[in-house]
C-alpha atoms as a PDB file:
ATOM      1  CA  UNK A   1     -29.511 -27.439 -21.174  1.00  0.00           C
ATOM      2  CA  UNK A   2     -31.523 -30.251 -22.957  1.00  0.00           C
ATOM      3  CA  UNK A   3     -33.890 -29.742 -26.012  1.00  0.00           C
ATOM      4  CA  UNK A   4     -36.947 -30.974 -27.073  1.00  0.00           C
ATOM      5  CA  UNK A   5     -36.393 -31.691 -30.303  1.00  0.00           C
ATOM      6  CA  UNK A   6     -34.359 -30.724 -33.619  1.00  0.00           C
ATOM      7  CA  UNK A   7     -36.281 -30.040 -37.085  1.00  0.00           C
ATOM      8  CA  UNK A   8     -34.242 -30.955 -40.188  1.00  0.00           C
ATOM      9  CA  UNK A   9     -36.729 -29.460 -42.186  1.00  0.00           C
ATOM     10  CA  UNK A  10     -38.854 -27.040 -40.960  1.00  0.00           C
ATOM     11  CA  UNK A  11     -40.626 -24.519 -42.866  1.00  0.00           C
ATOM     12  CA  UNK A  12     -43.023 -23.041 -40.563  1.00  0.00           C
ATOM     13  CA  UNK A  13     -39.846 -21.349 -38.280  1.00  0.00           C
ATOM     14  CA  UNK A  14     -38.794 -18.477 -40.604  1.00  0.00           C
ATOM     15  CA  UNK A  15     -38.302 -18.280 -44.503  1.00  0.00           C
ATOM     16  CA  UNK A  16     -37.495 -21.480 -46.552  1.00  0.00           C
ATOM     17  CA  UNK A  17     -36.183 -24.808 -45.598  1.00  0.00           C
ATOM     18  CA  UNK A  18     -34.720 -24.436 -42.620  1.00  0.00           C
ATOM     19  CA  UNK A  19     -33.315 -26.518 -39.300  1.00  0.00           C
ATOM     20  CA  UNK A  20     -35.121 -25.552 -36.039  1.00  0.00           C
ATOM     21  CA  UNK A  21     -34.296 -26.221 -32.428  1.00  0.00           C
ATOM     22  CA  UNK A  22     -36.168 -26.471 -29.545  1.00  0.00           C
ATOM     23  CA  UNK A  23     -34.534 -25.509 -26.350  1.00  0.00           C
ATOM     24  CA  UNK A  24     -36.537 -26.448 -22.580  1.00  0.00           C
ATOM     25  CA  UNK A  25     -37.232 -24.537 -20.325  1.00  0.00           C
ATOM     26  CA  UNK A  26     -39.103 -21.028 -20.245  1.00  0.00           C
ATOM     27  CA  UNK A  27     -40.740 -19.104 -17.184  1.00  0.00           C
ATOM     28  CA  UNK A  28     -43.680 -16.902 -19.077  1.00  0.00           C
ATOM     29  CA  UNK A  29     -45.721 -19.948 -19.279  1.00  0.00           C
ATOM     30  CA  UNK A  30     -48.278 -18.263 -21.923  1.00  0.00           C
ATOM     31  CA  UNK A  31     -51.903 -18.863 -21.804  1.00  0.00           C
ATOM     32  CA  UNK A  32     -52.265 -21.319 -24.633  1.00  0.00           C
ATOM     33  CA  UNK A  33     -49.050 -21.804 -25.456  1.00  0.00           C
ATOM     34  CA  UNK A  34     -48.566 -24.620 -28.227  1.00  0.00           C
ATOM     35  CA  UNK A  35     -45.465 -26.141 -26.797  1.00  0.00           C
ATOM     36  CA  UNK A  36     -45.914 -26.401 -22.910  1.00  0.00           C
ATOM     37  CA  UNK A  37     -44.057 -29.034 -22.273  1.00  0.00           C
ATOM     38  CA  UNK A  38     -40.885 -27.413 -22.846  1.00  0.00           C
ATOM     39  CA  UNK A  39     -41.720 -24.983 -20.003  1.00  0.00           C
ATOM     40  CA  UNK A  40     -39.930 -27.661 -18.320  1.00  0.00           C
ATOM     41  CA  UNK A  41     -36.204 -26.939 -18.182  1.00  0.00           C
ATOM     42  CA  UNK A  42     -35.603 -30.960 -17.713  1.00  0.00           C
ATOM     43  CA  UNK A  43     -37.407 -32.135 -20.707  1.00  0.00           C
ATOM     44  CA  UNK A  44     -35.755 -34.052 -23.677  1.00  0.00           C
ATOM     45  CA  UNK A  45     -32.541 -34.763 -24.200  1.00  0.00           C
ATOM     46  CA  UNK A  46     -29.014 -32.914 -23.391  1.00  0.00           C
ATOM     47  CA  UNK A  47     -27.800 -30.939 -25.745  1.00  0.00           C
ATOM     48  CA  UNK A  48     -24.374 -32.096 -26.508  1.00  0.00           C
ATOM     49  CA  UNK A  49     -21.329 -32.116 -28.542  1.00  0.00           C
ATOM     50  CA  UNK A  50     -22.689 -34.594 -30.781  1.00  0.00           C
ATOM     51  CA  UNK A  51     -25.914 -32.959 -31.196  1.00  0.00           C
ATOM     52  CA  UNK A  52     -24.425 -29.713 -32.331  1.00  0.00           C
ATOM     53  CA  UNK A  53     -22.743 -31.250 -34.833  1.00  0.00           C
ATOM     54  CA  UNK A  54     -26.257 -32.957 -36.190  1.00  0.00           C
ATOM     55  CA  UNK A  55     -27.237 -29.470 -36.415  1.00  0.00           C
ATOM     56  CA  UNK A  56     -24.081 -28.631 -38.754  1.00  0.00           C
ATOM     57  CA  UNK A  57     -24.684 -31.255 -40.869  1.00  0.00           C
ATOM     58  CA  UNK A  58     -28.414 -30.774 -41.630  1.00  0.00           C
ATOM     59  CA  UNK A  59     -27.224 -26.811 -42.197  1.00  0.00           C
ATOM     60  CA  UNK A  60     -24.431 -27.767 -44.625  1.00  0.00           C
ATOM     61  CA  UNK A  61     -27.361 -28.509 -47.277  1.00  0.00           C
ATOM     62  CA  UNK A  62     -26.990 -25.900 -50.050  1.00  0.00           C
ATOM     63  CA  UNK A  63     -31.150 -26.117 -50.000  1.00  0.00           C
ATOM     64  CA  UNK A  64     -31.507 -25.052 -46.018  1.00  0.00           C
ATOM     65  CA  UNK A  65     -31.731 -21.361 -46.071  1.00  0.00           C
ATOM     66  CA  UNK A  66     -30.806 -20.576 -42.552  1.00  0.00           C
ATOM     67  CA  UNK A  67     -31.317 -22.072 -38.617  1.00  0.00           C
ATOM     68  CA  UNK A  68     -34.231 -20.957 -36.035  1.00  0.00           C
ATOM     69  CA  UNK A  69     -33.800 -21.042 -32.094  1.00  0.00           C
ATOM     70  CA  UNK A  70     -37.092 -21.663 -30.428  1.00  0.00           C
ATOM     71  CA  UNK A  71     -38.108 -23.070 -27.317  1.00  0.00           C
ATOM     72  CA  UNK A  72     -39.214 -23.360 -24.470  1.00  0.00           C
ATOM     73  CA  UNK A  73     -36.946 -19.756 -24.743  1.00  0.00           C
ATOM     74  CA  UNK A  74     -33.465 -19.642 -25.486  1.00  0.00           C
ATOM     75  CA  UNK A  75     -33.171 -16.381 -23.348  1.00  0.00           C
ATOM     76  CA  UNK A  76     -33.903 -17.625 -20.491  1.00  0.00           C
ATOM     77  CA  UNK A  77     -30.494 -17.395 -18.262  1.00  0.00           C
ATOM     78  CA  UNK A  78     -29.096 -20.338 -18.091  1.00  0.00           C
ATOM     79  CA  UNK A  79     -29.882 -21.272 -21.855  1.00  0.00           C
ATOM     80  CA  UNK A  80     -28.061 -18.357 -23.021  1.00  0.00           C
ATOM     81  CA  UNK A  81     -24.921 -19.371 -21.266  1.00  0.00           C
ATOM     82  CA  UNK A  82     -25.469 -23.272 -23.009  1.00  0.00           C
ATOM     83  CA  UNK A  83     -25.917 -21.506 -26.482  1.00  0.00           C
ATOM     84  CA  UNK A  84     -23.677 -18.978 -27.239  1.00  0.00           C
ATOM     85  CA  UNK A  85     -20.805 -20.686 -27.634  1.00  0.00           C
ATOM     86  CA  UNK A  86     -22.428 -23.078 -30.035  1.00  0.00           C
ATOM     87  CA  UNK A  87     -24.377 -20.052 -31.383  1.00  0.00           C
ATOM     88  CA  UNK A  88     -20.965 -18.236 -32.069  1.00  0.00           C
ATOM     89  CA  UNK A  89     -19.340 -21.180 -33.773  1.00  0.00           C
ATOM     90  CA  UNK A  90     -22.479 -21.671 -35.946  1.00  0.00           C
ATOM     91  CA  UNK A  91     -22.568 -17.988 -37.287  1.00  0.00           C
ATOM     92  CA  UNK A  92     -19.024 -18.114 -38.217  1.00  0.00           C
ATOM     93  CA  UNK A  93     -19.472 -21.403 -40.106  1.00  0.00           C
ATOM     94  CA  UNK A  94     -22.121 -20.463 -41.730  1.00  0.00           C
ATOM     95  CA  UNK A  95     -22.436 -16.729 -42.337  1.00  0.00           C
ATOM     96  CA  UNK A  96     -24.278 -16.564 -45.323  1.00  0.00           C
ATOM     97  CA  UNK A  97     -27.695 -18.466 -43.325  1.00  0.00           C
ATOM     98  CA  UNK A  98     -29.720 -16.564 -41.503  1.00  0.00           C
ATOM     99  CA  UNK A  99     -30.223 -16.804 -38.108  1.00  0.00           C
ATOM    100  CA  UNK A 100     -34.271 -16.393 -36.461  1.00  0.00           C
ATOM    101  CA  UNK A 101     -34.848 -16.830 -32.648  1.00  0.00           C
ATOM    102  CA  UNK A 102     -38.186 -16.174 -30.510  1.00  0.00           C
ATOM    103  CA  UNK A 103     -38.602 -15.152 -27.029  1.00  0.00           C
ATOM    104  CA  UNK A 104     -40.957 -14.142 -24.603  1.00  0.00           C
ATOM    105  CA  UNK A 105     -38.769 -11.707 -23.523  1.00  0.00           C
ATOM    106  CA  UNK A 106     -38.948  -7.953 -24.640  1.00  0.00           C
ATOM    107  CA  UNK A 107     -36.402  -6.660 -26.715  1.00  0.00           C
ATOM    108  CA  UNK A 108     -35.648  -3.619 -24.961  1.00  0.00           C
ATOM    109  CA  UNK A 109     -36.352  -3.847 -21.473  1.00  0.00           C
ATOM    110  CA  UNK A 110     -35.595  -7.151 -20.697  1.00  0.00           C
ATOM    111  CA  UNK A 111     -32.559  -7.963 -23.034  1.00  0.00           C
ATOM    112  CA  UNK A 112     -30.851  -5.511 -23.895  1.00  0.00           C
ATOM    113  CA  UNK A 113     -30.982  -3.553 -20.188  1.00  0.00           C
ATOM    114  CA  UNK A 114     -29.306  -7.217 -19.183  1.00  0.00           C
ATOM    115  CA  UNK A 115     -32.168  -8.087 -17.155  1.00  0.00           C
ATOM    116  CA  UNK A 116     -32.419 -11.066 -18.196  1.00  0.00           C
ATOM    117  CA  UNK A 117     -29.168 -13.202 -17.503  1.00  0.00           C
ATOM    118  CA  UNK A 118     -25.505 -12.059 -17.442  1.00  0.00           C
ATOM    119  CA  UNK A 119     -25.652  -8.675 -20.135  1.00  0.00           C
ATOM    120  CA  UNK A 120     -22.613  -9.486 -21.977  1.00  0.00           C
ATOM    121  CA  UNK A 121     -23.301 -13.241 -22.748  1.00  0.00           C
ATOM    122  CA  UNK A 122     -26.704 -11.708 -23.682  1.00  0.00           C
ATOM    123  CA  UNK A 123     -25.612  -9.588 -26.300  1.00  0.00           C
ATOM    124  CA  UNK A 124     -23.235 -11.806 -27.648  1.00  0.00           C
ATOM    125  CA  UNK A 125     -26.184 -14.282 -28.203  1.00  0.00           C
ATOM    126  CA  UNK A 126     -28.351 -11.518 -29.777  1.00  0.00           C
ATOM    127  CA  UNK A 127     -25.530 -10.546 -31.989  1.00  0.00           C
ATOM    128  CA  UNK A 128     -25.334 -14.097 -33.598  1.00  0.00           C
ATOM    129  CA  UNK A 129     -28.985 -13.475 -34.452  1.00  0.00           C
ATOM    130  CA  UNK A 130     -30.523 -11.826 -37.648  1.00  0.00           C
ATOM    131  CA  UNK A 131     -34.475 -11.830 -36.979  1.00  0.00           C
ATOM    132  CA  UNK A 132     -35.586 -11.880 -33.544  1.00  0.00           C
ATOM    133  CA  UNK A 133     -39.369 -12.291 -32.782  1.00  0.00           C
ATOM    134  CA  UNK A 134     -40.038 -11.271 -29.373  1.00  0.00           C
ATOM    135  CA  UNK A 135     -42.833 -10.945 -26.776  1.00  0.00           C
ATOM    136  CA  UNK A 136     -45.309 -13.113 -24.657  1.00  0.00           C
ATOM    137  CA  UNK A 137     -47.986 -14.833 -26.434  1.00  0.00           C
ATOM    138  CA  UNK A 138     -51.462 -13.460 -25.793  1.00  0.00           C
ATOM    139  CA  UNK A 139     -53.945 -16.090 -26.605  1.00  0.00           C
ATOM    140  CA  UNK A 140     -56.652 -13.356 -27.353  1.00  0.00           C
ATOM    141  CA  UNK A 141     -54.421 -11.719 -29.701  1.00  0.00           C
ATOM    142  CA  UNK A 142     -53.927 -14.760 -31.472  1.00  0.00           C
ATOM    143  CA  UNK A 143     -53.978 -14.916 -35.323  1.00  0.00           C
ATOM    144  CA  UNK A 144     -53.047 -17.759 -37.344  1.00  0.00           C
ATOM    145  CA  UNK A 145     -52.323 -14.979 -40.632  1.00  0.00           C
ATOM    146  CA  UNK A 146     -49.719 -13.038 -38.774  1.00  0.00           C
ATOM    147  CA  UNK A 147     -45.891 -12.989 -40.453  1.00  0.00           C
ATOM    148  CA  UNK A 148     -43.705 -15.986 -38.097  1.00  0.00           C
ATOM    149  CA  UNK A 149     -45.618 -15.090 -34.942  1.00  0.00           C
ATOM    150  CA  UNK A 150     -48.297 -16.444 -32.859  1.00  0.00           C
ATOM    151  CA  UNK A 151     -50.184 -13.578 -31.591  1.00  0.00           C
ATOM    152  CA  UNK A 152     -50.510  -9.639 -32.921  1.00  0.00           C
ATOM    153  CA  UNK A 153     -48.755  -7.984 -30.065  1.00  0.00           C
ATOM    154  CA  UNK A 154     -45.309  -9.406 -30.745  1.00  0.00           C
ATOM    155  CA  UNK A 155     -42.836  -8.056 -33.273  1.00  0.00           C
ATOM    156  CA  UNK A 156     -40.439  -8.830 -36.019  1.00  0.00           C
ATOM    157  CA  UNK A 157     -36.888  -7.216 -35.362  1.00  0.00           C
ATOM    158  CA  UNK A 158     -33.946  -6.853 -37.206  1.00  0.00           C
ATOM    159  CA  UNK A 159     -31.465  -7.229 -34.728  1.00  0.00           C
ATOM    160  CA  UNK A 160     -28.010  -5.943 -36.449  1.00  0.00           C
ATOM    161  CA  UNK A 161     -29.311  -2.526 -37.292  1.00  0.00           C
ATOM    162  CA  UNK A 162     -31.597  -2.236 -34.117  1.00  0.00           C
ATOM    163  CA  UNK A 163     -28.070  -2.463 -32.463  1.00  0.00           C
ATOM    164  CA  UNK A 164     -26.532  -0.108 -34.522  1.00  0.00           C
ATOM    165  CA  UNK A 165     -28.687   2.391 -34.657  1.00  0.00           C
ATOM    166  CA  UNK A 166     -29.932   2.323 -30.895  1.00  0.00           C
ATOM    167  CA  UNK A 167     -33.960   1.615 -32.161  1.00  0.00           C
ATOM    168  CA  UNK A 168     -35.910  -0.961 -32.972  1.00  0.00           C
ATOM    169  CA  UNK A 169     -36.085  -1.490 -36.569  1.00  0.00           C
ATOM    170  CA  UNK A 170     -39.326  -3.611 -37.240  1.00  0.00           C
ATOM    171  CA  UNK A 171     -38.897  -6.450 -40.375  1.00  0.00           C
ATOM    172  CA  UNK A 172     -42.614  -6.596 -42.070  1.00  0.00           C
ATOM    173  CA  UNK A 173     -41.356  -9.653 -44.800  1.00  0.00           C
ATOM    174  CA  UNK A 174     -37.911 -11.175 -45.969  1.00  0.00           C
ATOM    175  CA  UNK A 175     -37.189 -12.090 -49.589  1.00  0.00           C
ATOM    176  CA  UNK A 176     -33.961 -13.604 -50.439  1.00  0.00           C
ATOM    177  CA  UNK A 177     -32.296 -11.112 -51.144  1.00  0.00           C
ATOM    178  CA  UNK A 178     -34.598  -8.191 -49.619  1.00  0.00           C
ATOM    179  CA  UNK A 179     -35.710  -6.741 -45.919  1.00  0.00           C
ATOM    180  CA  UNK A 180     -38.864  -5.094 -46.025  1.00  0.00           C
ATOM    181  CA  UNK A 181     -39.197  -3.049 -43.082  1.00  0.00           C
ATOM    182  CA  UNK A 182     -40.751   0.024 -41.153  1.00  0.00           C
ATOM    183  CA  UNK A 183     -39.206   3.544 -42.214  1.00  0.00           C
ATOM    184  CA  UNK A 184     -36.374   4.716 -39.552  1.00  0.00           C
ATOM    185  CA  UNK A 185     -35.151   8.797 -39.608  1.00  0.00           C
ATOM    186  CA  UNK A 186     -31.421   7.754 -40.971  1.00  0.00           C
ATOM    187  CA  UNK A 187     -33.667   6.480 -44.110  1.00  0.00           C
ATOM    188  CA  UNK A 188     -33.422   9.926 -45.362  1.00  0.00           C
ATOM    189  CA  UNK A 189     -30.386  10.287 -47.639  1.00  0.00           C
ATOM    190  CA  UNK A 190     -31.820   7.280 -49.377  1.00  0.00           C
ATOM    191  CA  UNK A 191     -35.202   8.392 -49.371  1.00  0.00           C
ATOM    192  CA  UNK A 192     -33.855  11.965 -51.163  1.00  0.00           C
ATOM    193  CA  UNK A 193     -31.899  10.227 -53.718  1.00  0.00           C
ATOM    194  CA  UNK A 194     -35.433   8.790 -55.141  1.00  0.00           C
ATOM    195  CA  UNK A 195     -37.630  11.486 -54.563  1.00  0.00           C
ATOM    196  CA  UNK A 196     -35.191  14.207 -55.646  1.00  0.00           C
ATOM    197  CA  UNK A 197     -34.428  12.235 -58.761  1.00  0.00           C
ATOM    198  CA  UNK A 198     -36.851  13.722 -61.403  1.00  0.00           C
ATOM    199  CA  UNK A 199     -36.057  10.685 -63.931  1.00  0.00           C
ATOM    200  CA  UNK A 200     -37.836   8.637 -61.081  1.00  0.00           C
ATOM    201  CA  UNK A 201     -40.502  11.347 -59.954  1.00  0.00           C
ATOM    202  CA  UNK A 202     -41.484  11.690 -63.846  1.00  0.00           C
ATOM    203  CA  UNK A 203     -45.245  10.308 -63.875  1.00  0.00           C
ATOM    204  CA  UNK A 204     -45.750  10.981 -60.184  1.00  0.00           C
ATOM    205  CA  UNK A 205     -45.058  14.517 -59.507  1.00  0.00           C
ATOM    206  CA  UNK A 206     -42.042  17.361 -59.441  1.00  0.00           C
ATOM    207  CA  UNK A 207     -38.958  16.086 -58.030  1.00  0.00           C
ATOM    208  CA  UNK A 208     -38.859  17.559 -54.043  1.00  0.00           C
ATOM    209  CA  UNK A 209     -36.375  19.291 -52.514  1.00  0.00           C
ATOM    210  CA  UNK A 210     -34.139  17.907 -49.298  1.00  0.00           C
ATOM    211  CA  UNK A 211     -36.492  19.859 -47.146  1.00  0.00           C
ATOM    212  CA  UNK A 212     -39.729  18.409 -48.839  1.00  0.00           C
ATOM    213  CA  UNK A 213     -38.332  14.767 -48.711  1.00  0.00           C
ATOM    214  CA  UNK A 214     -37.411  14.837 -44.525  1.00  0.00           C
ATOM    215  CA  UNK A 215     -41.068  16.109 -44.154  1.00  0.00           C
ATOM    216  CA  UNK A 216     -42.346  13.660 -46.366  1.00  0.00           C
ATOM    217  CA  UNK A 217     -40.375  11.071 -44.342  1.00  0.00           C
ATOM    218  CA  UNK A 218     -41.681  12.079 -40.814  1.00  0.00           C
ATOM    219  CA  UNK A 219     -45.441  12.968 -41.374  1.00  0.00           C
ATOM    220  CA  UNK A 220     -45.874  10.320 -44.285  1.00  0.00           C
ATOM    221  CA  UNK A 221     -43.372   7.233 -43.805  1.00  0.00           C
ATOM    222  CA  UNK A 222     -41.866   6.450 -40.252  1.00  0.00           C
ATOM    223  CA  UNK A 223     -44.986   5.180 -37.994  1.00  0.00           C
ATOM    224  CA  UNK A 224     -47.222   3.808 -40.181  1.00  0.00           C
ATOM    225  CA  UNK A 225     -48.580   0.604 -40.649  1.00  0.00           C
ATOM    226  CA  UNK A 226     -48.947   1.153 -44.768  1.00  0.00           C
ATOM    227  CA  UNK A 227     -45.312   2.238 -45.226  1.00  0.00           C
ATOM    228  CA  UNK A 228     -42.596  -0.207 -46.166  1.00  0.00           C
ATOM    229  CA  UNK A 229     -39.016   0.738 -46.707  1.00  0.00           C
ATOM    230  CA  UNK A 230     -36.981  -2.033 -49.579  1.00  0.00           C
ATOM    231  CA  UNK A 231     -33.622  -2.733 -47.945  1.00  0.00           C
ATOM    232  CA  UNK A 232     -31.107  -4.544 -49.555  1.00  0.00           C
ATOM    233  CA  UNK A 233     -29.503  -7.402 -46.483  1.00  0.00           C
ATOM    234  CA  UNK A 234     -26.054  -7.594 -47.878  1.00  0.00           C
ATOM    235  CA  UNK A 235     -25.418  -3.634 -47.677  1.00  0.00           C
ATOM    236  CA  UNK A 236     -28.497  -2.126 -45.488  1.00  0.00           C
ATOM    237  CA  UNK A 237     -29.148   0.536 -48.022  1.00  0.00           C
ATOM    238  CA  UNK A 238     -32.491   1.695 -48.644  1.00  0.00           C
ATOM    239  CA  UNK A 239     -33.157   1.445 -51.972  1.00  0.00           C
ATOM    240  CA  UNK A 240     -36.924   1.288 -52.533  1.00  0.00           C
ATOM    241  CA  UNK A 241     -40.421   1.862 -50.959  1.00  0.00           C
ATOM    242  CA  UNK A 242     -43.881   0.576 -51.092  1.00  0.00           C
ATOM    243  CA  UNK A 243     -47.105   2.852 -50.020  1.00  0.00           C
ATOM    244  CA  UNK A 244     -50.674   1.317 -49.867  1.00  0.00           C
ATOM    245  CA  UNK A 245     -52.939   3.890 -49.188  1.00  0.00           C
ATOM    246  CA  UNK A 246     -56.316   2.676 -48.375  1.00  0.00           C
ATOM    247  CA  UNK A 247     -59.841   2.948 -50.736  1.00  0.00           C
ATOM    248  CA  UNK A 248     -62.840   1.681 -48.720  1.00  0.00           C
ATOM    249  CA  UNK A 249     -62.847  -1.658 -46.965  1.00  0.00           C
ATOM    250  CA  UNK A 250     -60.157  -4.228 -47.504  1.00  0.00           C
ATOM    251  CA  UNK A 251     -58.854  -2.134 -50.132  1.00  0.00           C
ATOM    252  CA  UNK A 252     -55.874  -0.457 -51.263  1.00  0.00           C
ATOM    253  CA  UNK A 253     -54.062   1.933 -54.153  1.00  0.00           C
ATOM    254  CA  UNK A 254     -50.285   0.436 -53.882  1.00  0.00           C
ATOM    255  CA  UNK A 255     -47.606   2.894 -55.145  1.00  0.00           C
ATOM    256  CA  UNK A 256     -43.560   1.702 -55.239  1.00  0.00           C
ATOM    257  CA  UNK A 257     -40.849   2.857 -56.748  1.00  0.00           C
ATOM    258  CA  UNK A 258     -36.888   1.935 -56.511  1.00  0.00           C
ATOM    259  CA  UNK A 259     -33.771   3.636 -56.558  1.00  0.00           C
ATOM    260  CA  UNK A 260     -33.054   3.679 -60.841  1.00  0.00           C
ATOM    261  CA  UNK A 261     -29.607   2.446 -59.613  1.00  0.00           C
ATOM    262  CA  UNK A 262     -31.360  -0.918 -58.484  1.00  0.00           C
ATOM    263  CA  UNK A 263     -33.618  -1.446 -61.533  1.00  0.00           C
ATOM    264  CA  UNK A 264     -33.926  -4.607 -64.050  1.00  0.00           C
ATOM    265  CA  UNK A 265     -32.587  -6.596 -61.193  1.00  0.00           C
ATOM    266  CA  UNK A 266     -35.576  -7.636 -60.077  1.00  0.00           C
ATOM    267  CA  UNK A 267     -35.494  -6.321 -56.619  1.00  0.00           C
ATOM    268  CA  UNK A 268     -39.191  -4.637 -57.300  1.00  0.00           C
ATOM    269  CA  UNK A 269     -40.505  -7.988 -58.167  1.00  0.00           C
ATOM    270  CA  UNK A 270     -39.150  -9.634 -55.442  1.00  0.00           C
ATOM    271  CA  UNK A 271     -40.367  -6.217 -53.268  1.00  0.00           C
ATOM    272  CA  UNK A 272     -44.002  -6.879 -54.133  1.00  0.00           C
ATOM    273  CA  UNK A 273     -45.011  -9.543 -54.176  1.00  0.00           C
ATOM    274  CA  UNK A 274     -43.791 -10.259 -50.805  1.00  0.00           C
ATOM    275  CA  UNK A 275     -45.570  -6.874 -49.869  1.00  0.00           C
ATOM    276  CA  UNK A 276     -48.910  -8.136 -51.730  1.00  0.00           C
ATOM    277  CA  UNK A 277     -48.285 -11.348 -49.595  1.00  0.00           C
ATOM    278  CA  UNK A 278     -48.339  -9.040 -46.398  1.00  0.00           C
ATOM    279  CA  UNK A 279     -51.193  -7.253 -47.578  1.00  0.00           C
ATOM    280  CA  UNK A 280     -53.145 -10.134 -47.896  1.00  0.00           C
ATOM    281  CA  UNK A 281     -52.643 -11.521 -45.320  1.00  0.00           C
ATOM    282  CA  UNK A 282     -51.564  -9.053 -42.269  1.00  0.00           C
ATOM    283  CA  UNK A 283     -53.254  -5.832 -43.365  1.00  0.00           C
ATOM    284  CA  UNK A 284     -56.628  -7.942 -44.568  1.00  0.00           C
ATOM    285  CA  UNK A 285     -56.996  -6.658 -48.281  1.00  0.00           C
ATOM    286  CA  UNK A 286     -59.075  -7.980 -50.762  1.00  0.00           C
ATOM    287  CA  UNK A 287     -58.349  -5.614 -53.665  1.00  0.00           C
ATOM    288  CA  UNK A 288     -54.726  -3.859 -54.337  1.00  0.00           C
ATOM    289  CA  UNK A 289     -55.301  -1.571 -57.389  1.00  0.00           C
ATOM    290  CA  UNK A 290     -52.724   0.613 -59.048  1.00  0.00           C
ATOM    291  CA  UNK A 291     -53.241   3.818 -60.894  1.00  0.00           C
ATOM    292  CA  UNK A 292     -50.328   4.158 -63.520  1.00  0.00           C
ATOM    293  CA  UNK A 293     -49.816   6.586 -66.049  1.00  0.00           C
ATOM    294  CA  UNK A 294     -50.515   5.663 -69.637  1.00  0.00           C
ATOM    295  CA  UNK A 295     -46.906   7.243 -71.095  1.00  0.00           C
ATOM    296  CA  UNK A 296     -45.180   5.230 -67.923  1.00  0.00           C
ATOM    297  CA  UNK A 297     -44.836   1.916 -70.041  1.00  0.00           C
ATOM    298  CA  UNK A 298     -41.990   0.220 -67.704  1.00  0.00           C
ATOM    299  CA  UNK A 299     -44.630   0.444 -64.903  1.00  0.00           C
ATOM    300  CA  UNK A 300     -47.585  -0.560 -67.062  1.00  0.00           C
ATOM    301  CA  UNK A 301     -45.511  -3.690 -68.001  1.00  0.00           C
ATOM    302  CA  UNK A 302     -44.681  -4.364 -64.579  1.00  0.00           C
ATOM    303  CA  UNK A 303     -47.907  -4.419 -63.447  1.00  0.00           C
ATOM    304  CA  UNK A 304     -49.550  -7.101 -66.020  1.00  0.00           C
ATOM    305  CA  UNK A 305     -46.520  -8.952 -65.007  1.00  0.00           C
ATOM    306  CA  UNK A 306     -47.144  -9.160 -61.137  1.00  0.00           C
ATOM    307  CA  UNK A 307     -50.695 -10.489 -62.624  1.00  0.00           C
ATOM    308  CA  UNK A 308     -52.660  -7.299 -62.468  1.00  0.00           C
ATOM    309  CA  UNK A 309     -55.638  -6.772 -64.610  1.00  0.00           C
ATOM    310  CA  UNK A 310     -56.600  -3.656 -66.101  1.00  0.00           C
ATOM    311  CA  UNK A 311     -60.236  -2.454 -65.096  1.00  0.00           C
ATOM    312  CA  UNK A 312     -60.570   1.161 -66.557  1.00  0.00           C
ATOM    313  CA  UNK A 313     -59.070   4.764 -66.974  1.00  0.00           C
ATOM    314  CA  UNK A 314     -59.663   7.795 -65.407  1.00  0.00           C
ATOM    315  CA  UNK A 315     -58.596  11.400 -65.767  1.00  0.00           C
ATOM    316  CA  UNK A 316     -56.403  13.120 -63.262  1.00  0.00           C
ATOM    317  CA  UNK A 317     -55.739  16.794 -64.279  1.00  0.00           C
ATOM    318  CA  UNK A 318     -53.936  16.195 -67.160  1.00  0.00           C
ATOM    319  CA  UNK A 319     -52.959  12.809 -66.743  1.00  0.00           C
ATOM    320  CA  UNK A 320     -54.529   9.696 -68.375  1.00  0.00           C
ATOM    321  CA  UNK A 321     -54.669   7.050 -65.459  1.00  0.00           C
ATOM    322  CA  UNK A 322     -54.687   3.100 -66.268  1.00  0.00           C
ATOM    323  CA  UNK A 323     -56.406   1.348 -63.170  1.00  0.00           C
ATOM    324  CA  UNK A 324     -54.871  -2.273 -62.882  1.00  0.00           C
ATOM    325  CA  UNK A 325     -56.073  -4.196 -60.152  1.00  0.00           C
ATOM    326  CA  UNK A 326     -55.284  -7.654 -58.078  1.00  0.00           C
ATOM    327  CA  UNK A 327     -57.797  -9.273 -55.572  1.00  0.00           C
ATOM    328  CA  UNK A 328     -57.052 -12.075 -52.916  1.00  0.00           C
ATOM    329  CA  UNK A 329     -58.658 -15.078 -55.301  1.00  0.00           C
ATOM    330  CA  UNK A 330     -56.313 -14.577 -57.967  1.00  0.00           C
ATOM    331  CA  UNK A 331     -53.082 -13.360 -56.005  1.00  0.00           C
END
């Protein structure tokens, strides 16, 4: 296998500062590809043991968050064979560094079915990857604001839970400790821990039954582009959720809740700041607002800490709600 380049201080391909390897060889030949020279399997330099050691040396620095694997396409059959042993060594040597990869092939129909390369080798390579961005680049769907991908048809997939749950788990964004992702049917127990808890629901509505939680999950959360689960990276537990309710053109009302056992640890701040960034870029939001019961002092304090500004007071039923707003200009 040949490679085109190695970037030892990359900030464009995954979160944080990363080491990135661009392998050579790609048969997709997407129109508008930014890296067409790497279509040629002979482009660049041979990938050797010396090359591997240079990558390991780069990853050993404490400020390097992870490794990114791009191309070309690392999932071309020839590249899979050349990469799999190296990637397994990398994972064993740096278990706490995140691994991202990009492919023009489809996760389910091309990779999981074994259409590309040896099925066993492909699965071994997938198990070395935390996040996979899949799908061909489509120039007509290009959007520079998208989260680490070039066109809106491409998906950001959490590989491990997708393999474990046998369903595609799409990621919205990532922080040091959390994933924001789409909701899954398997989230029901964790969601009920919050919706069924009187303390958590005190200023929202009466605590939900198990049946009402299941109905809310399936009808409101799953499949929605505006509902995100908050997952702990180290355990896979869903510890919170964030909802964006459209209010009008480029405006959303925001609601966030976190499991009471996970509060006062900074998770909500991590998650909401990341969700706000997503809303202002990929969702095209200009204004985000939160209506908070005046008695809910922790939530009011949290809104102010996020940089949200008080705008007005409204009455809903017997409650007096204070509205806080954040706009794209002061995010």
